[in-house]
Structure formats: C-alpha cells, structure tokens
Amino acid sequence: MHDANIVATMDVYGIRRLLTQNSVDFVRFAEVVTLLPLEANS
C-alpha cells in the first residue's frame, strides 16, 4: 500500500522516474514510472 501511495504522489506531481534500492516492490508500477535501481557499493 505504501508503494502505491508513492507512485500516486509521483503521478500527481508529474514525476516519472523513481530511484530506489527496492525495485522489486515497484515492478507492478513499471507502466506508470521508470525504475532506476540503486546499486550498493561493494
């Protein structure tokens, strides 16, 4: 539910790209936003 709220807020403000370390949770919204995965430094 929290992920849907983030995507809904992004939509209201016209934000189309999401930078996240948790891309898996946002895959269902891939039609609405472009996912930009953060990668941890090893």
Protein backbone atom coordinates (compact mmCIF):
# COMPACT_ATOMS: atom_id res chain seq x y z
CA MET A 1 0.00 0.00 0.00
CA HIS A 2 2.82 2.42 0.79
CA ASP A 3 4.39 1.81 -2.61
CA ALA A 4 1.08 2.65 -4.29
CA ASN A 5 0.93 5.90 -2.31
CA ILE A 6 4.41 6.82 -3.51
CA VAL A 7 3.50 6.14 -7.13
CA ALA A 8 0.19 8.03 -6.80
CA THR A 9 2.00 11.06 -5.36
CA MET A 10 4.55 10.88 -8.16
CA ASP A 11 1.72 10.84 -10.69
CA VAL A 12 0.07 13.93 -9.19
CA TYR A 13 3.34 15.86 -9.44
CA GLY A 14 4.28 14.55 -12.88
CA ILE A 15 7.32 12.64 -11.65
CA ARG A 16 8.03 9.69 -13.93
CA ARG A 17 11.36 8.32 -12.65
CA LEU A 18 11.88 6.51 -9.35
CA LEU A 19 15.34 5.97 -7.90
CA THR A 20 15.11 3.10 -5.42
CA GLN A 21 17.04 0.31 -3.73
CA ASN A 22 13.84 -1.73 -3.66
CA SER A 23 12.98 -2.12 -7.35
CA VAL A 24 11.23 -5.45 -6.85
CA ASP A 25 8.37 -3.78 -4.95
CA PHE A 26 7.75 -1.31 -7.77
CA VAL A 27 7.80 -3.71 -10.74
CA ARG A 28 3.98 -3.74 -10.84
CA PHE A 29 4.07 0.04 -11.50
CA ALA A 30 6.58 -0.17 -14.36
CA GLU A 31 3.93 1.01 -16.85
CA VAL A 32 3.49 4.23 -14.85
CA VAL A 33 7.06 5.01 -13.73
CA THR A 34 10.57 4.30 -14.92
CA LEU A 35 12.55 2.46 -12.28
CA LEU A 36 16.15 3.45 -11.69
CA PRO A 37 17.68 0.87 -9.36
CA LEU A 38 20.31 1.99 -6.87
CA GLU A 39 23.15 -0.43 -6.50
CA ALA A 40 25.02 -0.83 -3.26
CA ASN A 41 28.75 -0.21 -3.37
CA SER A 42 30.62 -3.41 -2.70
